[in-house]
């Protein structure tokens, strides 16, 4: 995310970290954020009378355009984490492509959020 905001706003490394509220000057080690894969299936766990039950996997596909864009953003973020952790790019420039996808989808999501906050814009 730091590189994303550096590219988006032209920040330096420290400026981007401060913008994201992740810059601290106390020389304490920080724990590494946990990477979580985005599930495509929903599973329900139940405990009834002390016995554990688990539902069948239910496909969790996006239905609206906003849900699709959020899924695309999450998939690109996940793939970038894998590349950052040492996975090789499938095609040359794959990381740059995912940064662009995240940038484009971030702008769409921000636009939709503004429209929801202020209502549709009529010109």
PDB file of N, CA and C in Angstrom:
ATOM      1  N   UNK A   1       0.812  -1.185   0.000  1.00  0.00           N
ATOM      2  CA  UNK A   1       0.000   0.000   0.000  1.00  0.00           C
ATOM      3  C   UNK A   1       0.862   1.258   0.000  1.00  0.00           C
ATOM      4  N   UNK A   2       2.025   1.185   0.641  1.00  0.00           N
ATOM      5  CA  UNK A   2       2.898   2.361   0.691  1.00  0.00           C
ATOM      6  C   UNK A   2       3.312   2.751  -0.721  1.00  0.00           C
ATOM      7  N   UNK A   3       3.729   1.761  -1.506  1.00  0.00           N
ATOM      8  CA  UNK A   3       4.145   2.050  -2.884  1.00  0.00           C
ATOM      9  C   UNK A   3       2.974   2.593  -3.699  1.00  0.00           C
ATOM     10  N   UNK A   4       1.778   2.099  -3.434  1.00  0.00           N
ATOM     11  CA  UNK A   4       0.585   2.571  -4.142  1.00  0.00           C
ATOM     12  C   UNK A   4       0.374   4.059  -3.882  1.00  0.00           C
ATOM     13  N   UNK A   5       0.422   4.489  -2.600  1.00  0.00           N
ATOM     14  CA  UNK A   5       0.206   5.893  -2.287  1.00  0.00           C
ATOM     15  C   UNK A   5       1.385   6.761  -2.719  1.00  0.00           C
ATOM     16  N   UNK A   6       2.589   6.188  -2.728  1.00  0.00           N
ATOM     17  CA  UNK A   6       3.732   6.942  -3.247  1.00  0.00           C
ATOM     18  C   UNK A   6       3.494   7.267  -4.718  1.00  0.00           C
ATOM     19  N   UNK A   7       3.029   6.272  -5.448  1.00  0.00           N
ATOM     20  CA  UNK A   7       2.790   6.468  -6.885  1.00  0.00           C
ATOM     21  C   UNK A   7       1.592   7.378  -7.139  1.00  0.00           C
ATOM     22  N   UNK A   8       0.526   7.182  -6.358  1.00  0.00           N
ATOM     23  CA  UNK A   8      -0.703   7.930  -6.572  1.00  0.00           C
ATOM     24  C   UNK A   8      -0.524   9.417  -6.281  1.00  0.00           C
ATOM     25  N   UNK A   9       0.132   9.756  -5.151  1.00  0.00           N
ATOM     26  CA  UNK A   9       0.245  11.144  -4.723  1.00  0.00           C
ATOM     27  C   UNK A   9       1.651  11.734  -4.876  1.00  0.00           C
ATOM     28  N   UNK A  10       2.613  10.922  -5.325  1.00  0.00           N
ATOM     29  CA  UNK A  10       3.978  11.415  -5.478  1.00  0.00           C
ATOM     30  C   UNK A  10       4.683  11.611  -4.142  1.00  0.00           C
ATOM     31  N   UNK A  11       4.252  10.890  -3.092  1.00  0.00           N
ATOM     32  CA  UNK A  11       4.879  10.989  -1.781  1.00  0.00           C
ATOM     33  C   UNK A  11       6.240  10.320  -1.774  1.00  0.00           C
ATOM     34  N   UNK A  12       7.101  10.733  -0.853  1.00  0.00           N
ATOM     35  CA  UNK A  12       8.297   9.973  -0.513  1.00  0.00           C
ATOM     36  C   UNK A  12       7.878   8.840   0.411  1.00  0.00           C
ATOM     37  N   UNK A  13       8.833   7.967   0.752  1.00  0.00           N
ATOM     38  CA  UNK A  13       8.509   6.809   1.572  1.00  0.00           C
ATOM     39  C   UNK A  13       7.943   7.219   2.935  1.00  0.00           C
ATOM     40  N   UNK A  14       8.617   8.116   3.628  1.00  0.00           N
ATOM     41  CA  UNK A  14       8.186   8.525   4.966  1.00  0.00           C
ATOM     42  C   UNK A  14       6.845   9.254   4.906  1.00  0.00           C
ATOM     43  N   UNK A  15       6.668  10.120   3.915  1.00  0.00           N
ATOM     44  CA  UNK A  15       5.394  10.837   3.777  1.00  0.00           C
ATOM     45  C   UNK A  15       4.237   9.862   3.577  1.00  0.00           C
ATOM     46  N   UNK A  16       4.455   8.845   2.730  1.00  0.00           N
ATOM     47  CA  UNK A  16       3.401   7.854   2.484  1.00  0.00           C
ATOM     48  C   UNK A  16       3.088   7.076   3.752  1.00  0.00           C
ATOM     49  N   UNK A  17       4.110   6.709   4.513  1.00  0.00           N
ATOM     50  CA  UNK A  17       3.893   5.984   5.770  1.00  0.00           C
ATOM     51  C   UNK A  17       3.111   6.835   6.759  1.00  0.00           C
ATOM     52  N   UNK A  18       3.461   8.102   6.858  1.00  0.00           N
ATOM     53  CA  UNK A  18       2.740   8.997   7.768  1.00  0.00           C
ATOM     54  C   UNK A  18       1.298   9.175   7.308  1.00  0.00           C
ATOM     55  N   UNK A  19       1.085   9.267   6.006  1.00  0.00           N
ATOM     56  CA  UNK A  19      -0.270   9.406   5.461  1.00  0.00           C
ATOM     57  C   UNK A  19      -1.132   8.205   5.842  1.00  0.00           C
ATOM     58  N   UNK A  20      -0.526   7.014   5.855  1.00  0.00           N
ATOM     59  CA  UNK A  20      -1.228   5.779   6.184  1.00  0.00           C
ATOM     60  C   UNK A  20      -1.215   5.476   7.685  1.00  0.00           C
ATOM     61  N   UNK A  21      -0.682   6.412   8.478  1.00  0.00           N
ATOM     62  CA  UNK A  21      -0.584   6.244   9.939  1.00  0.00           C
ATOM     63  C   UNK A  21       0.197   4.995  10.331  1.00  0.00           C
ATOM     64  N   UNK A  22       1.257   4.698   9.598  1.00  0.00           N
ATOM     65  CA  UNK A  22       2.073   3.537   9.946  1.00  0.00           C
ATOM     66  C   UNK A  22       3.537   3.929  10.152  1.00  0.00           C
ATOM     67  N   UNK A  23       3.801   5.200  10.412  1.00  0.00           N
ATOM     68  CA  UNK A  23       5.158   5.661  10.664  1.00  0.00           C
ATOM     69  C   UNK A  23       5.281   6.029  12.130  1.00  0.00           C
ATOM     70  N   UNK A  24       6.171   5.337  12.834  1.00  0.00           N
ATOM     71  CA  UNK A  24       6.404   5.595  14.250  1.00  0.00           C
ATOM     72  C   UNK A  24       7.900   5.705  14.457  1.00  0.00           C
ATOM     73  N   UNK A  25       8.343   6.715  15.206  1.00  0.00           N
ATOM     74  CA  UNK A  25       9.766   6.927  15.454  1.00  0.00           C
ATOM     75  C   UNK A  25      10.185   6.429  16.834  1.00  0.00           C
ATOM     76  N   UNK A  26       9.728   5.273  17.264  1.00  0.00           N
ATOM     77  CA  UNK A  26      10.093   4.792  18.595  1.00  0.00           C
ATOM     78  C   UNK A  26      11.074   3.610  18.555  1.00  0.00           C
ATOM     79  N   UNK A  27      11.572   3.243  17.393  1.00  0.00           N
ATOM     80  CA  UNK A  27      12.554   2.165  17.221  1.00  0.00           C
ATOM     81  C   UNK A  27      12.088   0.808  17.749  1.00  0.00           C
ATOM     82  N   UNK A  28      10.788   0.623  17.850  1.00  0.00           N
ATOM     83  CA  UNK A  28      10.251  -0.658  18.285  1.00  0.00           C
ATOM     84  C   UNK A  28       9.950  -1.510  17.053  1.00  0.00           C
ATOM     85  N   UNK A  29      10.271  -2.798  17.109  1.00  0.00           N
ATOM     86  CA  UNK A  29       9.956  -3.653  15.955  1.00  0.00           C
ATOM     87  C   UNK A  29       8.454  -3.787  15.778  1.00  0.00           C
ATOM     88  N   UNK A  30       8.030  -3.848  14.564  1.00  0.00           N
ATOM     89  CA  UNK A  30       6.615  -4.000  14.228  1.00  0.00           C
ATOM     90  C   UNK A  30       6.378  -5.429  13.762  1.00  0.00           C
ATOM     91  N   UNK A  31       5.237  -5.955  14.118  1.00  0.00           N
ATOM     92  CA  UNK A  31       4.928  -7.300  13.642  1.00  0.00           C
ATOM     93  C   UNK A  31       4.472  -7.223  12.186  1.00  0.00           C
ATOM     94  N   UNK A  32       4.761  -8.261  11.461  1.00  0.00           N
ATOM     95  CA  UNK A  32       4.405  -8.340  10.051  1.00  0.00           C
ATOM     96  C   UNK A  32       2.905  -8.556   9.909  1.00  0.00           C
ATOM     97  N   UNK A  33       2.239  -7.781   9.021  1.00  0.00           N
ATOM     98  CA  UNK A  33       0.803  -7.987   8.859  1.00  0.00           C
ATOM     99  C   UNK A  33       0.504  -9.371   8.302  1.00  0.00           C
ATOM    100  N   UNK A  34      -0.595  -9.931   8.752  1.00  0.00           N
ATOM    101  CA  UNK A  34      -0.991 -11.257   8.314  1.00  0.00           C
ATOM    102  C   UNK A  34      -1.650 -11.167   6.946  1.00  0.00           C
ATOM    103  N   UNK A  35      -1.248 -12.049   6.055  1.00  0.00           N
ATOM    104  CA  UNK A  35      -1.844 -12.112   4.726  1.00  0.00           C
ATOM    105  C   UNK A  35      -3.029 -13.063   4.765  1.00  0.00           C
ATOM    106  N   UNK A  36      -4.161 -12.575   4.287  1.00  0.00           N
ATOM    107  CA  UNK A  36      -5.372 -13.380   4.291  1.00  0.00           C
ATOM    108  C   UNK A  36      -5.872 -13.516   2.858  1.00  0.00           C
ATOM    109  N   UNK A  37      -6.065 -14.746   2.422  1.00  0.00           N
ATOM    110  CA  UNK A  37      -6.610 -14.976   1.092  1.00  0.00           C
ATOM    111  C   UNK A  37      -8.106 -14.661   1.104  1.00  0.00           C
ATOM    112  N   UNK A  38      -8.589 -14.118   0.011  1.00  0.00           N
ATOM    113  CA  UNK A  38     -10.010 -13.799  -0.099  1.00  0.00           C
ATOM    114  C   UNK A  38     -10.758 -15.072  -0.471  1.00  0.00           C
ATOM    115  N   UNK A  39     -11.665 -15.522   0.408  1.00  0.00           N
ATOM    116  CA  UNK A  39     -12.366 -16.775   0.099  1.00  0.00           C
ATOM    117  C   UNK A  39     -13.435 -16.575  -0.976  1.00  0.00           C
ATOM    118  N   UNK A  40     -13.592 -17.576  -1.810  1.00  0.00           N
ATOM    119  CA  UNK A  40     -14.642 -17.555  -2.825  1.00  0.00           C
ATOM    120  C   UNK A  40     -15.839 -18.384  -2.382  1.00  0.00           C
ATOM    121  N   UNK A  41     -15.731 -18.992  -1.217  1.00  0.00           N
ATOM    122  CA  UNK A  41     -16.807 -19.819  -0.704  1.00  0.00           C
ATOM    123  C   UNK A  41     -17.115 -19.434   0.736  1.00  0.00           C
ATOM    124  N   UNK A  42     -18.366 -19.496   1.075  1.00  0.00           N
ATOM    125  CA  UNK A  42     -18.791 -19.270   2.453  1.00  0.00           C
ATOM    126  C   UNK A  42     -19.055 -20.621   3.094  1.00  0.00           C
ATOM    127  N   UNK A  43     -18.644 -20.773   4.350  1.00  0.00           N
ATOM    128  CA  UNK A  43     -18.883 -21.995   5.103  1.00  0.00           C
ATOM    129  C   UNK A  43     -19.413 -21.588   6.464  1.00  0.00           C
ATOM    130  N   UNK A  44     -20.469 -22.233   6.911  1.00  0.00           N
ATOM    131  CA  UNK A  44     -21.049 -21.915   8.203  1.00  0.00           C
ATOM    132  C   UNK A  44     -20.726 -23.043   9.182  1.00  0.00           C
ATOM    133  N   UNK A  45     -20.166 -22.663  10.331  1.00  0.00           N
ATOM    134  CA  UNK A  45     -19.894 -23.623  11.399  1.00  0.00           C
ATOM    135  C   UNK A  45     -20.956 -23.471  12.484  1.00  0.00           C
ATOM    136  N   UNK A  46     -21.516 -24.583  12.920  1.00  0.00           N
ATOM    137  CA  UNK A  46     -22.534 -24.580  13.966  1.00  0.00           C
ATOM    138  C   UNK A  46     -22.162 -25.593  15.041  1.00  0.00           C
ATOM    139  N   UNK A  47     -22.514 -25.261  16.265  1.00  0.00           N
ATOM    140  CA  UNK A  47     -22.390 -26.225  17.360  1.00  0.00           C
ATOM    141  C   UNK A  47     -23.781 -26.336  17.979  1.00  0.00           C
ATOM    142  N   UNK A  48     -24.361 -27.530  17.866  1.00  0.00           N
ATOM    143  CA  UNK A  48     -25.699 -27.778  18.393  1.00  0.00           C
ATOM    144  C   UNK A  48     -25.598 -28.918  19.398  1.00  0.00           C
ATOM    145  N   UNK A  49     -26.033 -28.639  20.624  1.00  0.00           N
ATOM    146  CA  UNK A  49     -25.956 -29.624  21.709  1.00  0.00           C
ATOM    147  C   UNK A  49     -24.548 -30.209  21.829  1.00  0.00           C
ATOM    148  N   UNK A  50     -23.534 -29.343  21.665  1.00  0.00           N
ATOM    149  CA  UNK A  50     -22.150 -29.773  21.823  1.00  0.00           C
ATOM    150  C   UNK A  50     -21.563 -30.497  20.626  1.00  0.00           C
ATOM    151  N   UNK A  51     -22.335 -30.687  19.573  1.00  0.00           N
ATOM    152  CA  UNK A  51     -21.845 -31.393  18.383  1.00  0.00           C
ATOM    153  C   UNK A  51     -21.568 -30.378  17.280  1.00  0.00           C
ATOM    154  N   UNK A  52     -20.405 -30.500  16.622  1.00  0.00           N
ATOM    155  CA  UNK A  52     -19.969 -29.568  15.584  1.00  0.00           C
ATOM    156  C   UNK A  52     -20.536 -29.967  14.217  1.00  0.00           C
ATOM    157  N   UNK A  53     -21.137 -28.993  13.536  1.00  0.00           N
ATOM    158  CA  UNK A  53     -21.655 -29.193  12.186  1.00  0.00           C
ATOM    159  C   UNK A  53     -21.039 -28.133  11.279  1.00  0.00           C
ATOM    160  N   UNK A  54     -20.832 -28.499  10.018  1.00  0.00           N
ATOM    161  CA  UNK A  54     -20.318 -27.537   9.044  1.00  0.00           C
ATOM    162  C   UNK A  54     -21.139 -27.649   7.765  1.00  0.00           C
ATOM    163  N   UNK A  55     -21.546 -26.479   7.245  1.00  0.00           N
ATOM    164  CA  UNK A  55     -22.366 -26.467   6.035  1.00  0.00           C
ATOM    165  C   UNK A  55     -21.523 -26.813   4.821  1.00  0.00           C
ATOM    166  N   UNK A  56     -22.204 -27.094   3.745  1.00  0.00           N
ATOM    167  CA  UNK A  56     -21.542 -27.262   2.451  1.00  0.00           C
ATOM    168  C   UNK A  56     -20.965 -25.910   2.040  1.00  0.00           C
ATOM    169  N   UNK A  57     -19.977 -25.927   1.185  1.00  0.00           N
ATOM    170  CA  UNK A  57     -19.437 -24.670   0.671  1.00  0.00           C
ATOM    171  C   UNK A  57     -20.466 -24.013  -0.244  1.00  0.00           C
ATOM    172  N   UNK A  58     -20.701 -22.734  -0.017  1.00  0.00           N
ATOM    173  CA  UNK A  58     -21.635 -21.964  -0.830  1.00  0.00           C
ATOM    174  C   UNK A  58     -20.823 -20.949  -1.621  1.00  0.00           C
ATOM    175  N   UNK A  59     -20.957 -20.965  -2.922  1.00  0.00           N
ATOM    176  CA  UNK A  59     -20.192 -20.067  -3.776  1.00  0.00           C
ATOM    177  C   UNK A  59     -20.512 -18.606  -3.428  1.00  0.00           C
ATOM    178  N   UNK A  60     -19.474 -17.800  -3.250  1.00  0.00           N
ATOM    179  CA  UNK A  60     -19.625 -16.391  -2.877  1.00  0.00           C
ATOM    180  C   UNK A  60     -19.141 -15.522  -4.031  1.00  0.00           C
ATOM    181  N   UNK A  61     -19.970 -15.391  -5.042  1.00  0.00           N
ATOM    182  CA  UNK A  61     -19.602 -14.585  -6.196  1.00  0.00           C
ATOM    183  C   UNK A  61     -20.213 -13.196  -6.083  1.00  0.00           C
ATOM    184  N   UNK A  62     -19.503 -12.180  -6.569  1.00  0.00           N
ATOM    185  CA  UNK A  62     -20.061 -10.830  -6.526  1.00  0.00           C
ATOM    186  C   UNK A  62     -21.256 -10.699  -7.464  1.00  0.00           C
ATOM    187  N   UNK A  63     -22.249  -9.906  -7.024  1.00  0.00           N
ATOM    188  CA  UNK A  63     -23.456  -9.736  -7.827  1.00  0.00           C
ATOM    189  C   UNK A  63     -23.566  -8.335  -8.419  1.00  0.00           C
ATOM    190  N   UNK A  64     -23.068  -7.338  -7.710  1.00  0.00           N
ATOM    191  CA  UNK A  64     -23.158  -5.966  -8.201  1.00  0.00           C
ATOM    192  C   UNK A  64     -21.816  -5.539  -8.780  1.00  0.00           C
ATOM    193  N   UNK A  65     -21.831  -4.440  -9.510  1.00  0.00           N
ATOM    194  CA  UNK A  65     -20.591  -3.930 -10.087  1.00  0.00           C
ATOM    195  C   UNK A  65     -19.611  -3.539  -8.976  1.00  0.00           C
ATOM    196  N   UNK A  66     -20.102  -2.954  -7.904  1.00  0.00           N
ATOM    197  CA  UNK A  66     -19.226  -2.568  -6.796  1.00  0.00           C
ATOM    198  C   UNK A  66     -18.583  -3.795  -6.152  1.00  0.00           C
ATOM    199  N   UNK A  67     -19.365  -4.855  -5.957  1.00  0.00           N
ATOM    200  CA  UNK A  67     -18.813  -6.086  -5.397  1.00  0.00           C
ATOM    201  C   UNK A  67     -17.754  -6.686  -6.320  1.00  0.00           C
ATOM    202  N   UNK A  68     -17.981  -6.604  -7.636  1.00  0.00           N
ATOM    203  CA  UNK A  68     -17.000  -7.117  -8.595  1.00  0.00           C
ATOM    204  C   UNK A  68     -15.698  -6.325  -8.517  1.00  0.00           C
ATOM    205  N   UNK A  69     -15.806  -4.997  -8.421  1.00  0.00           N
ATOM    206  CA  UNK A  69     -14.605  -4.163  -8.338  1.00  0.00           C
ATOM    207  C   UNK A  69     -13.870  -4.442  -7.032  1.00  0.00           C
ATOM    208  N   UNK A  70     -14.593  -4.616  -5.932  1.00  0.00           N
ATOM    209  CA  UNK A  70     -13.948  -4.944  -4.659  1.00  0.00           C
ATOM    210  C   UNK A  70     -13.224  -6.284  -4.748  1.00  0.00           C
ATOM    211  N   UNK A  71     -13.821  -7.246  -5.428  1.00  0.00           N
ATOM    212  CA  UNK A  71     -13.188  -8.561  -5.597  1.00  0.00           C
ATOM    213  C   UNK A  71     -11.921  -8.433  -6.433  1.00  0.00           C
ATOM    214  N   UNK A  72     -11.980  -7.675  -7.516  1.00  0.00           N
ATOM    215  CA  UNK A  72     -10.812  -7.470  -8.374  1.00  0.00           C
ATOM    216  C   UNK A  72      -9.693  -6.798  -7.586  1.00  0.00           C
ATOM    217  N   UNK A  73     -10.044  -5.766  -6.790  1.00  0.00           N
ATOM    218  CA  UNK A  73      -9.059  -5.080  -5.964  1.00  0.00           C
ATOM    219  C   UNK A  73      -8.409  -6.064  -4.994  1.00  0.00           C
ATOM    220  N   UNK A  74      -9.230  -6.869  -4.315  1.00  0.00           N
ATOM    221  CA  UNK A  74      -8.717  -7.827  -3.333  1.00  0.00           C
ATOM    222  C   UNK A  74      -7.834  -8.885  -3.998  1.00  0.00           C
ATOM    223  N   UNK A  75      -8.226  -9.358  -5.174  1.00  0.00           N
ATOM    224  CA  UNK A  75      -7.417 -10.352  -5.881  1.00  0.00           C
ATOM    225  C   UNK A  75      -6.060  -9.780  -6.273  1.00  0.00           C
ATOM    226  N   UNK A  76      -6.040  -8.537  -6.748  1.00  0.00           N
ATOM    227  CA  UNK A  76      -4.774  -7.913  -7.124  1.00  0.00           C
ATOM    228  C   UNK A  76      -3.897  -7.680  -5.904  1.00  0.00           C
ATOM    229  N   UNK A  77      -4.512  -7.242  -4.803  1.00  0.00           N
ATOM    230  CA  UNK A  77      -3.751  -7.030  -3.568  1.00  0.00           C
ATOM    231  C   UNK A  77      -3.142  -8.344  -3.082  1.00  0.00           C
ATOM    232  N   UNK A  78      -3.915  -9.411  -3.140  1.00  0.00           N
ATOM    233  CA  UNK A  78      -3.427 -10.722  -2.718  1.00  0.00           C
ATOM    234  C   UNK A  78      -2.253 -11.173  -3.582  1.00  0.00           C
ATOM    235  N   UNK A  79      -2.379 -11.010  -4.899  1.00  0.00           N
ATOM    236  CA  UNK A  79      -1.308 -11.430  -5.806  1.00  0.00           C
ATOM    237  C   UNK A  79      -0.050 -10.588  -5.582  1.00  0.00           C
ATOM    238  N   UNK A  80      -0.201  -9.286  -5.339  1.00  0.00           N
ATOM    239  CA  UNK A  80       0.958  -8.442  -5.056  1.00  0.00           C
ATOM    240  C   UNK A  80       1.659  -8.871  -3.777  1.00  0.00           C
ATOM    241  N   UNK A  81       0.899  -9.274  -2.776  1.00  0.00           N
ATOM    242  CA  UNK A  81       1.518  -9.772  -1.541  1.00  0.00           C
ATOM    243  C   UNK A  81       2.338 -11.022  -1.829  1.00  0.00           C
ATOM    244  N   UNK A  82       1.794 -11.913  -2.650  1.00  0.00           N
ATOM    245  CA  UNK A  82       2.529 -13.139  -3.001  1.00  0.00           C
ATOM    246  C   UNK A  82       3.837 -12.785  -3.727  1.00  0.00           C
ATOM    247  N   UNK A  83       3.773 -11.848  -4.665  1.00  0.00           N
ATOM    248  CA  UNK A  83       4.976 -11.441  -5.403  1.00  0.00           C
ATOM    249  C   UNK A  83       5.975 -10.810  -4.452  1.00  0.00           C
ATOM    250  N   UNK A  84       5.492  -9.956  -3.539  1.00  0.00           N
ATOM    251  CA  UNK A  84       6.367  -9.300  -2.571  1.00  0.00           C
ATOM    252  C   UNK A  84       7.041 -10.319  -1.654  1.00  0.00           C
ATOM    253  N   UNK A  85       6.341 -11.408  -1.352  1.00  0.00           N
ATOM    254  CA  UNK A  85       6.892 -12.441  -0.483  1.00  0.00           C
ATOM    255  C   UNK A  85       7.814 -13.403  -1.234  1.00  0.00           C
ATOM    256  N   UNK A  86       8.015 -13.181  -2.543  1.00  0.00           N
ATOM    257  CA  UNK A  86       8.984 -13.983  -3.278  1.00  0.00           C
ATOM    258  C   UNK A  86       8.440 -14.802  -4.429  1.00  0.00           C
ATOM    259  N   UNK A  87       7.147 -14.810  -4.644  1.00  0.00           N
ATOM    260  CA  UNK A  87       6.598 -15.541  -5.786  1.00  0.00           C
ATOM    261  C   UNK A  87       7.051 -14.857  -7.081  1.00  0.00           C
ATOM    262  N   UNK A  88       7.285 -15.632  -8.103  1.00  0.00           N
ATOM    263  CA  UNK A  88       7.722 -15.054  -9.369  1.00  0.00           C
ATOM    264  C   UNK A  88       6.519 -14.528 -10.144  1.00  0.00           C
ATOM    265  N   UNK A  89       6.772 -13.520 -10.947  1.00  0.00           N
ATOM    266  CA  UNK A  89       5.716 -12.963 -11.796  1.00  0.00           C
ATOM    267  C   UNK A  89       5.381 -13.965 -12.888  1.00  0.00           C
ATOM    268  N   UNK A  90       4.099 -14.111 -13.171  1.00  0.00           N
ATOM    269  CA  UNK A  90       3.663 -15.040 -14.211  1.00  0.00           C
ATOM    270  C   UNK A  90       4.044 -14.489 -15.576  1.00  0.00           C
ATOM    271  N   UNK A  91       3.878 -13.184 -15.754  1.00  0.00           N
ATOM    272  CA  UNK A  91       4.299 -12.502 -16.975  1.00  0.00           C
ATOM    273  C   UNK A  91       5.151 -11.307 -16.566  1.00  0.00           C
ATOM    274  N   UNK A  92       6.087 -10.878 -17.414  1.00  0.00           N
ATOM    275  CA  UNK A  92       6.890  -9.708 -17.069  1.00  0.00           C
ATOM    276  C   UNK A  92       5.992  -8.482 -16.851  1.00  0.00           C
ATOM    277  N   UNK A  93       6.238  -7.754 -15.787  1.00  0.00           N
ATOM    278  CA  UNK A  93       5.455  -6.561 -15.495  1.00  0.00           C
ATOM    279  C   UNK A  93       4.145  -6.840 -14.776  1.00  0.00           C
ATOM    280  N   UNK A  94       3.971  -8.063 -14.267  1.00  0.00           N
ATOM    281  CA  UNK A  94       2.710  -8.414 -13.600  1.00  0.00           C
ATOM    282  C   UNK A  94       2.455  -7.527 -12.382  1.00  0.00           C
ATOM    283  N   UNK A  95       3.479  -7.243 -11.607  1.00  0.00           N
ATOM    284  CA  UNK A  95       3.305  -6.408 -10.417  1.00  0.00           C
ATOM    285  C   UNK A  95       2.804  -5.016 -10.809  1.00  0.00           C
ATOM    286  N   UNK A  96       3.393  -4.427 -11.841  1.00  0.00           N
ATOM    287  CA  UNK A  96       2.949  -3.108 -12.292  1.00  0.00           C
ATOM    288  C   UNK A  96       1.491  -3.142 -12.746  1.00  0.00           C
ATOM    289  N   UNK A  97       1.113  -4.215 -13.410  1.00  0.00           N
ATOM    290  CA  UNK A  97      -0.271  -4.373 -13.860  1.00  0.00           C
ATOM    291  C   UNK A  97      -1.233  -4.396 -12.665  1.00  0.00           C
ATOM    292  N   UNK A  98      -0.859  -5.143 -11.624  1.00  0.00           N
ATOM    293  CA  UNK A  98      -1.722  -5.215 -10.450  1.00  0.00           C
ATOM    294  C   UNK A  98      -1.787  -3.882  -9.713  1.00  0.00           C
ATOM    295  N   UNK A  99      -0.681  -3.139  -9.686  1.00  0.00           N
ATOM    296  CA  UNK A  99      -0.722  -1.794  -9.088  1.00  0.00           C
ATOM    297  C   UNK A  99      -1.700  -0.905  -9.857  1.00  0.00           C
ATOM    298  N   UNK A 100      -1.685  -1.007 -11.175  1.00  0.00           N
ATOM    299  CA  UNK A 100      -2.600  -0.202 -11.987  1.00  0.00           C
ATOM    300  C   UNK A 100      -4.053  -0.613 -11.759  1.00  0.00           C
ATOM    301  N   UNK A 101      -4.296  -1.920 -11.677  1.00  0.00           N
ATOM    302  CA  UNK A 101      -5.649  -2.411 -11.401  1.00  0.00           C
ATOM    303  C   UNK A 101      -6.131  -1.885 -10.057  1.00  0.00           C
ATOM    304  N   UNK A 102      -5.263  -1.938  -9.045  1.00  0.00           N
ATOM    305  CA  UNK A 102      -5.649  -1.449  -7.722  1.00  0.00           C
ATOM    306  C   UNK A 102      -5.915   0.056  -7.746  1.00  0.00           C
ATOM    307  N   UNK A 103      -5.091   0.792  -8.476  1.00  0.00           N
ATOM    308  CA  UNK A 103      -5.275   2.243  -8.569  1.00  0.00           C
ATOM    309  C   UNK A 103      -6.613   2.574  -9.225  1.00  0.00           C
ATOM    310  N   UNK A 104      -6.903   1.923 -10.334  1.00  0.00           N
ATOM    311  CA  UNK A 104      -8.162   2.175 -11.051  1.00  0.00           C
ATOM    312  C   UNK A 104      -9.374   1.788 -10.205  1.00  0.00           C
ATOM    313  N   UNK A 105      -9.308   0.623  -9.569  1.00  0.00           N
ATOM    314  CA  UNK A 105     -10.452   0.181  -8.778  1.00  0.00           C
ATOM    315  C   UNK A 105     -10.614   1.037  -7.524  1.00  0.00           C
ATOM    316  N   UNK A 106      -9.497   1.491  -6.939  1.00  0.00           N
ATOM    317  CA  UNK A 106      -9.565   2.372  -5.769  1.00  0.00           C
ATOM    318  C   UNK A 106     -10.298   3.670  -6.121  1.00  0.00           C
ATOM    319  N   UNK A 107     -10.003   4.208  -7.289  1.00  0.00           N
ATOM    320  CA  UNK A 107     -10.664   5.441  -7.717  1.00  0.00           C
ATOM    321  C   UNK A 107     -12.162   5.225  -7.925  1.00  0.00           C
ATOM    322  N   UNK A 108     -12.544   4.090  -8.516  1.00  0.00           N
ATOM    323  CA  UNK A 108     -13.963   3.780  -8.695  1.00  0.00           C
ATOM    324  C   UNK A 108     -14.671   3.638  -7.353  1.00  0.00           C
ATOM    325  N   UNK A 109     -14.047   2.923  -6.434  1.00  0.00           N
ATOM    326  CA  UNK A 109     -14.656   2.719  -5.126  1.00  0.00           C
ATOM    327  C   UNK A 109     -14.797   4.037  -4.372  1.00  0.00           C
ATOM    328  N   UNK A 110     -13.786   4.900  -4.464  1.00  0.00           N
ATOM    329  CA  UNK A 110     -13.855   6.210  -3.807  1.00  0.00           C
ATOM    330  C   UNK A 110     -14.969   7.051  -4.419  1.00  0.00           C
ATOM    331  N   UNK A 111     -15.122   6.974  -5.729  1.00  0.00           N
ATOM    332  CA  UNK A 111     -16.186   7.717  -6.412  1.00  0.00           C
ATOM    333  C   UNK A 111     -17.560   7.231  -5.944  1.00  0.00           C
ATOM    334  N   UNK A 112     -17.739   5.925  -5.867  1.00  0.00           N
ATOM    335  CA  UNK A 112     -19.018   5.377  -5.413  1.00  0.00           C
ATOM    336  C   UNK A 112     -19.278   5.746  -3.959  1.00  0.00           C
ATOM    337  N   UNK A 113     -18.233   5.741  -3.148  1.00  0.00           N
ATOM    338  CA  UNK A 113     -18.396   6.113  -1.742  1.00  0.00           C
ATOM    339  C   UNK A 113     -18.830   7.574  -1.623  1.00  0.00           C
ATOM    340  N   UNK A 114     -18.243   8.453  -2.436  1.00  0.00           N
ATOM    341  CA  UNK A 114     -18.647   9.858  -2.435  1.00  0.00           C
ATOM    342  C   UNK A 114     -20.102  10.003  -2.857  1.00  0.00           C
ATOM    343  N   UNK A 115     -20.521   9.259  -3.879  1.00  0.00           N
ATOM    344  CA  UNK A 115     -21.908   9.328  -4.334  1.00  0.00           C
ATOM    345  C   UNK A 115     -22.870   8.838  -3.265  1.00  0.00           C
ATOM    346  N   UNK A 116     -22.470   7.828  -2.509  1.00  0.00           N
ATOM    347  CA  UNK A 116     -23.327   7.334  -1.436  1.00  0.00           C
ATOM    348  C   UNK A 116     -23.392   8.340  -0.290  1.00  0.00           C
ATOM    349  N   UNK A 117     -22.278   9.050  -0.047  1.00  0.00           N
ATOM    350  CA  UNK A 117     -22.242  10.022   1.039  1.00  0.00           C
ATOM    351  C   UNK A 117     -23.056  11.264   0.710  1.00  0.00           C
ATOM    352  N   UNK A 118     -22.953  11.719  -0.523  1.00  0.00           N
ATOM    353  CA  UNK A 118     -23.580  12.975  -0.914  1.00  0.00           C
ATOM    354  C   UNK A 118     -24.761  12.800  -1.849  1.00  0.00           C
ATOM    355  N   UNK A 119     -25.053  11.595  -2.225  1.00  0.00           N
ATOM    356  CA  UNK A 119     -26.115  11.351  -3.201  1.00  0.00           C
ATOM    357  C   UNK A 119     -25.578  11.493  -4.609  1.00  0.00           C
ATOM    358  N   UNK A 120     -26.322  11.061  -5.606  1.00  0.00           N
ATOM    359  CA  UNK A 120     -25.855  11.151  -6.991  1.00  0.00           C
ATOM    360  C   UNK A 120     -25.622  12.604  -7.400  1.00  0.00           C
ATOM    361  N   UNK A 121     -24.603  12.820  -8.153  1.00  0.00           N
ATOM    362  CA  UNK A 121     -24.276  14.157  -8.628  1.00  0.00           C
ATOM    363  C   UNK A 121     -25.068  14.458  -9.897  1.00  0.00           C
ATOM    364  N   UNK A 122     -25.781  15.555  -9.905  1.00  0.00           N
ATOM    365  CA  UNK A 122     -26.552  15.969 -11.082  1.00  0.00           C
ATOM    366  C   UNK A 122     -25.928  17.237 -11.638  1.00  0.00           C
ATOM    367  N   UNK A 123     -25.548  17.193 -12.867  1.00  0.00           N
ATOM    368  CA  UNK A 123     -24.909  18.353 -13.500  1.00  0.00           C
ATOM    369  C   UNK A 123     -25.799  18.932 -14.547  1.00  0.00           C
TER     370      UNK A 123
END
